[in-house]
Amino acid sequence: MPEADAPVVVERVDTPRGELVLRSAGSHFEVISNGTFLMDTRDGRSERLLVRAAMDLVGAPGRVLIGGLGVGYSLVEALADPRVGRVTVVEIEPALLEWHRHHLRHLTGDALDDPRVEVLVGELADDLGDVGHPAYDVICLDVDNGPEWTVTDTNAALYGAAGTRLLVSRLLPGGALSVWSAAEAPTYEALLGTELADVRVHRVDVSRGEPDVVYVGRRAVGPTG
């Protein structure tokens, strides 16, 4: 018999990006991509902060974009705010959405069926490049372990100069961008400072080691924004 907290594979799927695994560890779940730890359900404070810190900078966060569903903490946090009228979730892995219907349902409940929620399956960059979509009041980016620890090569571009400008361009003037990272990324922080006003850094202590980090800033209001 395995130890109570020893990880046990619940489901394993092959994707165009490689192997994605859902594991249980006691009462918690973990998601592993190609052998790299992505996320778990043990805490969730930094994922909720990702949304809350951005909303605190915006007077009326009516439209919110969440890049990366994760284990659902960010989506639930966004829906808890009555000012939010629309949440667009972009998630590249259909399997993760399916796991939320079953194994992770205790975390998100009926959030994915909330009439305010729009779920898009695919690359976040594709949605950002679709100028037919309205701009957002808040964009929350959590598609990797951070700017300097990307799990898929295609996501790395989102953290570069061009990708950052694309993200900011999809914000309404005065809108906020927040970015989750598993570690400090000073070079990325400096880049955000060239594109956003009032960049702030939030650190959340976690048991596994380095603090989680949330970067947040606002798109300037006016012709230079």
C-alpha atoms as a PDB file:
ATOM      1  CA  MET A   1       0.000   0.000   0.000  1.00  0.00           C
ATOM      2  CA  PRO A   2       1.347   3.490  -0.851  1.00  0.00           C
ATOM      3  CA  GLU A   3       1.916   6.022   1.911  1.00  0.00           C
ATOM      4  CA  ALA A   4      -1.011   8.369   2.491  1.00  0.00           C
ATOM      5  CA  ASP A   5       0.702  11.375   0.916  1.00  0.00           C
ATOM      6  CA  ALA A   6       2.691   9.559  -1.776  1.00  0.00           C
ATOM      7  CA  PRO A   7       1.611  10.828  -5.234  1.00  0.00           C
ATOM      8  CA  VAL A   8      -0.655   8.462  -7.150  1.00  0.00           C
ATOM      9  CA  VAL A   9      -1.360   8.886 -10.872  1.00  0.00           C
ATOM     10  CA  VAL A  10      -5.053   9.607 -11.401  1.00  0.00           C
ATOM     11  CA  GLU A  11      -4.911  10.192 -15.141  1.00  0.00           C
ATOM     12  CA  ARG A  12      -2.232  10.492 -17.789  1.00  0.00           C
ATOM     13  CA  VAL A  13      -2.804  11.954 -21.266  1.00  0.00           C
ATOM     14  CA  ASP A  14      -0.636  12.553 -24.324  1.00  0.00           C
ATOM     15  CA  THR A  15      -0.972  16.038 -25.830  1.00  0.00           C
ATOM     16  CA  PRO A  16       0.712  17.843 -28.746  1.00  0.00           C
ATOM     17  CA  ARG A  17       2.949  19.390 -26.069  1.00  0.00           C
ATOM     18  CA  GLY A  18       3.837  16.073 -24.459  1.00  0.00           C
ATOM     19  CA  GLU A  19       2.605  14.165 -21.438  1.00  0.00           C
ATOM     20  CA  LEU A  20       0.220  15.736 -18.932  1.00  0.00           C
ATOM     21  CA  VAL A  21      -0.383  13.934 -15.646  1.00  0.00           C
ATOM     22  CA  LEU A  22      -2.879  14.474 -12.850  1.00  0.00           C
ATOM     23  CA  ARG A  23      -1.732  13.008  -9.531  1.00  0.00           C
ATOM     24  CA  SER A  24      -3.349  12.809  -6.126  1.00  0.00           C
ATOM     25  CA  ALA A  25      -1.305  13.213  -2.958  1.00  0.00           C
ATOM     26  CA  GLY A  26      -3.445  12.655   0.093  1.00  0.00           C
ATOM     27  CA  SER A  27      -6.375  15.073  -0.250  1.00  0.00           C
ATOM     28  CA  HIS A  28      -4.545  17.245  -2.787  1.00  0.00           C
ATOM     29  CA  PHE A  29      -3.932  17.097  -6.535  1.00  0.00           C
ATOM     30  CA  GLU A  30      -0.878  17.919  -8.642  1.00  0.00           C
ATOM     31  CA  VAL A  31      -0.486  18.588 -12.366  1.00  0.00           C
ATOM     32  CA  ILE A  32       2.776  17.531 -14.020  1.00  0.00           C
ATOM     33  CA  SER A  33       3.822  18.410 -17.582  1.00  0.00           C
ATOM     34  CA  ASN A  34       6.571  16.294 -19.152  1.00  0.00           C
ATOM     35  CA  GLY A  35       7.923  15.536 -15.707  1.00  0.00           C
ATOM     36  CA  THR A  36       7.879  19.212 -14.602  1.00  0.00           C
ATOM     37  CA  PHE A  37       5.700  20.217 -11.680  1.00  0.00           C
ATOM     38  CA  LEU A  38       3.144  22.823 -12.782  1.00  0.00           C
ATOM     39  CA  MET A  39       0.638  23.336  -9.988  1.00  0.00           C
ATOM     40  CA  ASP A  40      -1.164  21.802  -7.069  1.00  0.00           C
ATOM     41  CA  THR A  41      -4.184  22.394  -4.881  1.00  0.00           C
ATOM     42  CA  ARG A  42      -2.379  22.818  -1.547  1.00  0.00           C
ATOM     43  CA  ASP A  43      -2.552  26.589  -1.193  1.00  0.00           C
ATOM     44  CA  GLY A  44      -4.003  28.912  -3.836  1.00  0.00           C
ATOM     45  CA  ARG A  45      -3.204  32.222  -2.126  1.00  0.00           C
ATOM     46  CA  SER A  46      -0.938  33.487  -4.901  1.00  0.00           C
ATOM     47  CA  GLU A  47      -3.369  32.390  -7.634  1.00  0.00           C
ATOM     48  CA  ARG A  48      -6.171  34.307  -5.934  1.00  0.00           C
ATOM     49  CA  LEU A  49      -3.858  37.272  -5.411  1.00  0.00           C
ATOM     50  CA  LEU A  50      -3.111  37.249  -9.143  1.00  0.00           C
ATOM     51  CA  VAL A  51      -6.707  38.326  -9.735  1.00  0.00           C
ATOM     52  CA  ARG A  52      -7.315  40.419  -6.647  1.00  0.00           C
ATOM     53  CA  ALA A  53      -4.171  42.562  -7.003  1.00  0.00           C
ATOM     54  CA  ALA A  54      -5.097  43.459 -10.576  1.00  0.00           C
ATOM     55  CA  MET A  55      -8.711  44.235  -9.695  1.00  0.00           C
ATOM     56  CA  ASP A  56      -7.576  46.495  -6.870  1.00  0.00           C
ATOM     57  CA  LEU A  57      -5.914  48.729  -9.476  1.00  0.00           C
ATOM     58  CA  VAL A  58      -9.057  48.968 -11.635  1.00  0.00           C
ATOM     59  CA  GLY A  59     -12.192  50.827 -10.675  1.00  0.00           C
ATOM     60  CA  ALA A  60     -14.585  48.706 -12.719  1.00  0.00           C
ATOM     61  CA  PRO A  61     -13.141  45.316 -13.737  1.00  0.00           C
ATOM     62  CA  GLY A  62     -15.998  44.408 -16.032  1.00  0.00           C
ATOM     63  CA  ARG A  63     -14.074  42.215 -18.481  1.00  0.00           C
ATOM     64  CA  VAL A  64     -11.379  39.855 -17.218  1.00  0.00           C
ATOM     65  CA  LEU A  65      -9.074  37.564 -19.185  1.00  0.00           C
ATOM     66  CA  ILE A  66      -7.437  34.655 -17.370  1.00  0.00           C
ATOM     67  CA  GLY A  67      -4.631  33.002 -19.283  1.00  0.00           C
ATOM     68  CA  GLY A  68      -4.351  29.494 -17.861  1.00  0.00           C
ATOM     69  CA  LEU A  69      -7.156  27.832 -15.874  1.00  0.00           C
ATOM     70  CA  GLY A  70      -4.785  26.049 -13.505  1.00  0.00           C
ATOM     71  CA  VAL A  71      -6.598  24.429 -10.604  1.00  0.00           C
ATOM     72  CA  GLY A  72      -9.286  27.106 -10.749  1.00  0.00           C
ATOM     73  CA  TYR A  73      -8.438  29.401  -7.832  1.00  0.00           C
ATOM     74  CA  SER A  74      -8.074  32.469 -10.073  1.00  0.00           C
ATOM     75  CA  LEU A  75     -11.375  31.877 -11.871  1.00  0.00           C
ATOM     76  CA  VAL A  76     -13.294  31.449  -8.619  1.00  0.00           C
ATOM     77  CA  GLU A  77     -11.697  34.626  -7.232  1.00  0.00           C
ATOM     78  CA  ALA A  78     -12.734  36.623 -10.304  1.00  0.00           C
ATOM     79  CA  LEU A  79     -16.323  35.390 -10.185  1.00  0.00           C
ATOM     80  CA  ALA A  80     -16.608  36.308  -6.504  1.00  0.00           C
ATOM     81  CA  ASP A  81     -16.427  40.001  -7.452  1.00  0.00           C
ATOM     82  CA  PRO A  82     -19.917  41.278  -8.375  1.00  0.00           C
ATOM     83  CA  ARG A  83     -18.410  43.991 -10.581  1.00  0.00           C
ATOM     84  CA  VAL A  84     -17.188  41.362 -13.052  1.00  0.00           C
ATOM     85  CA  GLY A  85     -19.482  40.945 -16.018  1.00  0.00           C
ATOM     86  CA  ARG A  86     -17.399  38.651 -18.205  1.00  0.00           C
ATOM     87  CA  VAL A  87     -14.476  36.280 -17.608  1.00  0.00           C
ATOM     88  CA  THR A  88     -12.681  34.792 -20.594  1.00  0.00           C
ATOM     89  CA  VAL A  89     -10.554  31.768 -19.718  1.00  0.00           C
ATOM     90  CA  VAL A  90      -7.985  30.648 -22.277  1.00  0.00           C
ATOM     91  CA  GLU A  91      -6.676  27.148 -21.579  1.00  0.00           C
ATOM     92  CA  ILE A  92      -4.569  25.137 -24.010  1.00  0.00           C
ATOM     93  CA  GLU A  93      -5.172  21.700 -22.479  1.00  0.00           C
ATOM     94  CA  PRO A  94      -8.656  20.191 -23.003  1.00  0.00           C
ATOM     95  CA  ALA A  95      -7.755  17.489 -20.483  1.00  0.00           C
ATOM     96  CA  LEU A  96      -7.453  20.087 -17.733  1.00  0.00           C
ATOM     97  CA  LEU A  97     -10.947  21.337 -18.477  1.00  0.00           C
ATOM     98  CA  GLU A  98     -12.228  17.764 -18.295  1.00  0.00           C
ATOM     99  CA  TRP A  99     -10.475  17.201 -14.967  1.00  0.00           C
ATOM    100  CA  HIS A 100     -12.350  20.217 -13.607  1.00  0.00           C
ATOM    101  CA  ARG A 101     -15.596  18.502 -14.503  1.00  0.00           C
ATOM    102  CA  HIS A 102     -14.643  15.511 -12.383  1.00  0.00           C
ATOM    103  CA  HIS A 103     -11.515  15.279 -10.211  1.00  0.00           C
ATOM    104  CA  LEU A 104     -11.207  19.012  -9.478  1.00  0.00           C
ATOM    105  CA  ARG A 105     -14.879  19.895  -9.331  1.00  0.00           C
ATOM    106  CA  HIS A 106     -14.722  20.385  -5.564  1.00  0.00           C
ATOM    107  CA  LEU A 107     -12.488  23.409  -6.251  1.00  0.00           C
ATOM    108  CA  THR A 108     -14.385  25.143  -9.033  1.00  0.00           C
ATOM    109  CA  GLY A 109     -17.904  23.804  -8.565  1.00  0.00           C
ATOM    110  CA  ASP A 110     -20.102  25.270 -11.305  1.00  0.00           C
ATOM    111  CA  ALA A 111     -17.704  28.105 -12.144  1.00  0.00           C
ATOM    112  CA  LEU A 112     -17.121  26.890 -15.698  1.00  0.00           C
ATOM    113  CA  ASP A 113     -20.890  26.927 -16.266  1.00  0.00           C
ATOM    114  CA  ASP A 114     -21.357  30.438 -14.875  1.00  0.00           C
ATOM    115  CA  PRO A 115     -23.087  32.529 -17.585  1.00  0.00           C
ATOM    116  CA  ARG A 116     -20.365  35.154 -17.204  1.00  0.00           C
ATOM    117  CA  VAL A 117     -17.653  32.663 -18.209  1.00  0.00           C
ATOM    118  CA  GLU A 118     -16.354  32.098 -21.735  1.00  0.00           C
ATOM    119  CA  VAL A 119     -13.860  29.235 -22.161  1.00  0.00           C
ATOM    120  CA  LEU A 120     -11.525  29.211 -25.154  1.00  0.00           C
ATOM    121  CA  VAL A 121      -9.323  26.184 -25.819  1.00  0.00           C
ATOM    122  CA  GLY A 122      -6.078  27.111 -27.524  1.00  0.00           C
ATOM    123  CA  GLU A 123      -3.014  29.331 -27.417  1.00  0.00           C
ATOM    124  CA  LEU A 124      -3.347  32.538 -25.435  1.00  0.00           C
ATOM    125  CA  ALA A 125      -1.376  34.427 -28.078  1.00  0.00           C
ATOM    126  CA  ASP A 126      -4.052  33.547 -30.646  1.00  0.00           C
ATOM    127  CA  ASP A 127      -6.770  35.165 -28.534  1.00  0.00           C
ATOM    128  CA  LEU A 128      -4.627  38.197 -27.845  1.00  0.00           C
ATOM    129  CA  GLY A 129      -4.000  38.594 -31.563  1.00  0.00           C
ATOM    130  CA  ASP A 130      -7.739  38.499 -32.362  1.00  0.00           C
ATOM    131  CA  VAL A 131      -8.553  42.192 -32.604  1.00  0.00           C
ATOM    132  CA  GLY A 132     -12.213  41.243 -33.062  1.00  0.00           C
ATOM    133  CA  HIS A 133     -12.400  40.548 -29.328  1.00  0.00           C
ATOM    134  CA  PRO A 134     -13.082  43.515 -27.049  1.00  0.00           C
ATOM    135  CA  ALA A 135     -10.236  44.782 -24.887  1.00  0.00           C
ATOM    136  CA  TYR A 136     -10.064  43.789 -21.227  1.00  0.00           C
ATOM    137  CA  ASP A 137     -10.078  45.671 -17.960  1.00  0.00           C
ATOM    138  CA  VAL A 138      -7.904  42.986 -16.353  1.00  0.00           C
ATOM    139  CA  ILE A 139      -5.562  40.371 -17.838  1.00  0.00           C
ATOM    140  CA  CYS A 140      -4.135  37.675 -15.549  1.00  0.00           C
ATOM    141  CA  LEU A 141      -1.284  35.600 -16.971  1.00  0.00           C
ATOM    142  CA  ASP A 142      -0.539  32.195 -15.426  1.00  0.00           C
ATOM    143  CA  VAL A 143       0.397  29.821 -18.229  1.00  0.00           C
ATOM    144  CA  ASP A 144       3.811  28.686 -16.947  1.00  0.00           C
ATOM    145  CA  ASN A 145       5.992  28.546 -13.865  1.00  0.00           C
ATOM    146  CA  GLY A 146       7.028  32.102 -14.651  1.00  0.00           C
ATOM    147  CA  PRO A 147       8.819  34.348 -17.139  1.00  0.00           C
ATOM    148  CA  GLU A 148      12.140  32.557 -16.655  1.00  0.00           C
ATOM    149  CA  TRP A 149      10.734  29.038 -16.292  1.00  0.00           C
ATOM    150  CA  THR A 150       8.424  28.322 -19.199  1.00  0.00           C
ATOM    151  CA  VAL A 151       7.153  24.791 -19.650  1.00  0.00           C
ATOM    152  CA  THR A 152       6.385  25.117 -23.365  1.00  0.00           C
ATOM    153  CA  ASP A 153       8.593  26.954 -25.852  1.00  0.00           C
ATOM    154  CA  THR A 154       5.653  28.777 -27.458  1.00  0.00           C
ATOM    155  CA  ASN A 155       4.788  30.517 -24.186  1.00  0.00           C
ATOM    156  CA  ALA A 156       8.242  32.055 -23.823  1.00  0.00           C
ATOM    157  CA  ALA A 157       7.349  34.725 -26.385  1.00  0.00           C
ATOM    158  CA  LEU A 158       4.582  36.052 -24.118  1.00  0.00           C
ATOM    159  CA  TYR A 159       7.207  37.185 -21.622  1.00  0.00           C
ATOM    160  CA  GLY A 160       9.423  38.957 -24.139  1.00  0.00           C
ATOM    161  CA  ALA A 161       9.191  42.570 -25.272  1.00  0.00           C
ATOM    162  CA  ALA A 162       6.813  41.881 -28.166  1.00  0.00           C
ATOM    163  CA  GLY A 163       4.617  39.570 -26.100  1.00  0.00           C
ATOM    164  CA  THR A 164       4.407  42.073 -23.269  1.00  0.00           C
ATOM    165  CA  ARG A 165       3.433  44.853 -25.665  1.00  0.00           C
ATOM    166  CA  LEU A 166       0.745  42.565 -27.111  1.00  0.00           C
ATOM    167  CA  LEU A 167      -0.674  41.900 -23.646  1.00  0.00           C
ATOM    168  CA  VAL A 168      -0.693  45.594 -22.783  1.00  0.00           C
ATOM    169  CA  SER A 169      -2.296  46.479 -26.127  1.00  0.00           C
ATOM    170  CA  ARG A 170      -5.314  44.319 -25.231  1.00  0.00           C
ATOM    171  CA  LEU A 171      -5.900  46.273 -22.023  1.00  0.00           C
ATOM    172  CA  LEU A 172      -8.266  49.195 -21.900  1.00  0.00           C
ATOM    173  CA  PRO A 173      -6.582  52.437 -20.785  1.00  0.00           C
ATOM    174  CA  GLY A 174      -6.199  52.180 -17.032  1.00  0.00           C
ATOM    175  CA  GLY A 175      -6.575  48.391 -17.186  1.00  0.00           C
ATOM    176  CA  ALA A 176      -4.292  46.086 -15.210  1.00  0.00           C
ATOM    177  CA  LEU A 177      -1.996  43.212 -16.133  1.00  0.00           C
ATOM    178  CA  SER A 178      -0.930  40.682 -13.507  1.00  0.00           C
ATOM    179  CA  VAL A 179       1.611  37.892 -14.024  1.00  0.00           C
ATOM    180  CA  TRP A 180       2.274  34.856 -11.810  1.00  0.00           C
ATOM    181  CA  SER A 181       5.781  33.495 -11.266  1.00  0.00           C
ATOM    182  CA  ALA A 182       7.223  30.709  -9.119  1.00  0.00           C
ATOM    183  CA  ALA A 183      10.343  32.817  -8.480  1.00  0.00           C
ATOM    184  CA  GLU A 184      11.699  36.344  -8.725  1.00  0.00           C
ATOM    185  CA  ALA A 185      12.281  37.540 -12.302  1.00  0.00           C
ATOM    186  CA  PRO A 186      14.008  40.952 -12.044  1.00  0.00           C
ATOM    187  CA  THR A 187      14.672  41.257 -15.779  1.00  0.00           C
ATOM    188  CA  TYR A 188      10.986  40.718 -16.491  1.00  0.00           C
ATOM    189  CA  GLU A 189      10.036  43.188 -13.764  1.00  0.00           C
ATOM    190  CA  ALA A 190      12.181  45.795 -15.489  1.00  0.00           C
ATOM    191  CA  LEU A 191      10.506  45.032 -18.812  1.00  0.00           C
ATOM    192  CA  LEU A 192       7.065  45.520 -17.281  1.00  0.00           C
ATOM    193  CA  GLY A 193       8.237  48.887 -16.017  1.00  0.00           C
ATOM    194  CA  THR A 194       8.813  50.032 -19.604  1.00  0.00           C
ATOM    195  CA  GLU A 195       5.263  49.119 -20.666  1.00  0.00           C
ATOM    196  CA  LEU A 196       3.130  49.670 -17.563  1.00  0.00           C
ATOM    197  CA  ALA A 197       2.640  52.308 -14.898  1.00  0.00           C
ATOM    198  CA  ASP A 198       2.689  51.644 -11.162  1.00  0.00           C
ATOM    199  CA  VAL A 199       4.300  48.191 -11.340  1.00  0.00           C
ATOM    200  CA  ARG A 200       4.045  46.372  -8.025  1.00  0.00           C
ATOM    201  CA  VAL A 201       5.562  43.129  -6.762  1.00  0.00           C
ATOM    202  CA  HIS A 202       3.705  40.855  -4.347  1.00  0.00           C
ATOM    203  CA  ARG A 203       5.443  37.908  -2.690  1.00  0.00           C
ATOM    204  CA  VAL A 204       3.632  34.973  -1.097  1.00  0.00           C
ATOM    205  CA  ASP A 205       5.616  32.616   1.139  1.00  0.00           C
ATOM    206  CA  VAL A 206       5.043  28.958   0.309  1.00  0.00           C
ATOM    207  CA  SER A 207       6.230  25.774   1.986  1.00  0.00           C
ATOM    208  CA  ARG A 208       8.052  24.378  -1.040  1.00  0.00           C
ATOM    209  CA  GLY A 209      10.813  27.002  -1.103  1.00  0.00           C
ATOM    210  CA  GLU A 210      11.047  30.360  -2.876  1.00  0.00           C
ATOM    211  CA  PRO A 211       8.026  32.638  -2.514  1.00  0.00           C
ATOM    212  CA  ASP A 212       5.485  32.806  -5.303  1.00  0.00           C
ATOM    213  CA  VAL A 213       5.577  36.215  -6.986  1.00  0.00           C
ATOM    214  CA  VAL A 214       2.789  38.248  -8.563  1.00  0.00           C
ATOM    215  CA  TYR A 215       3.718  41.208 -10.778  1.00  0.00           C
ATOM    216  CA  VAL A 216       0.991  43.742 -11.475  1.00  0.00           C
ATOM    217  CA  GLY A 217       0.793  47.098 -13.227  1.00  0.00           C
ATOM    218  CA  ARG A 218      -1.600  49.407 -15.077  1.00  0.00           C
ATOM    219  CA  ARG A 219      -1.779  50.517 -18.669  1.00  0.00           C
ATOM    220  CA  ALA A 220      -1.373  54.282 -18.718  1.00  0.00           C
ATOM    221  CA  VAL A 221      -4.387  56.447 -19.432  1.00  0.00           C
ATOM    222  CA  GLY A 222      -3.911  58.843 -22.322  1.00  0.00           C
ATOM    223  CA  PRO A 223      -2.380  58.943 -25.803  1.00  0.00           C
ATOM    224  CA  THR A 224       0.886  57.368 -24.676  1.00  0.00           C
ATOM    225  CA  GLY A 225      -0.902  54.353 -23.098  1.00  0.00           C
END
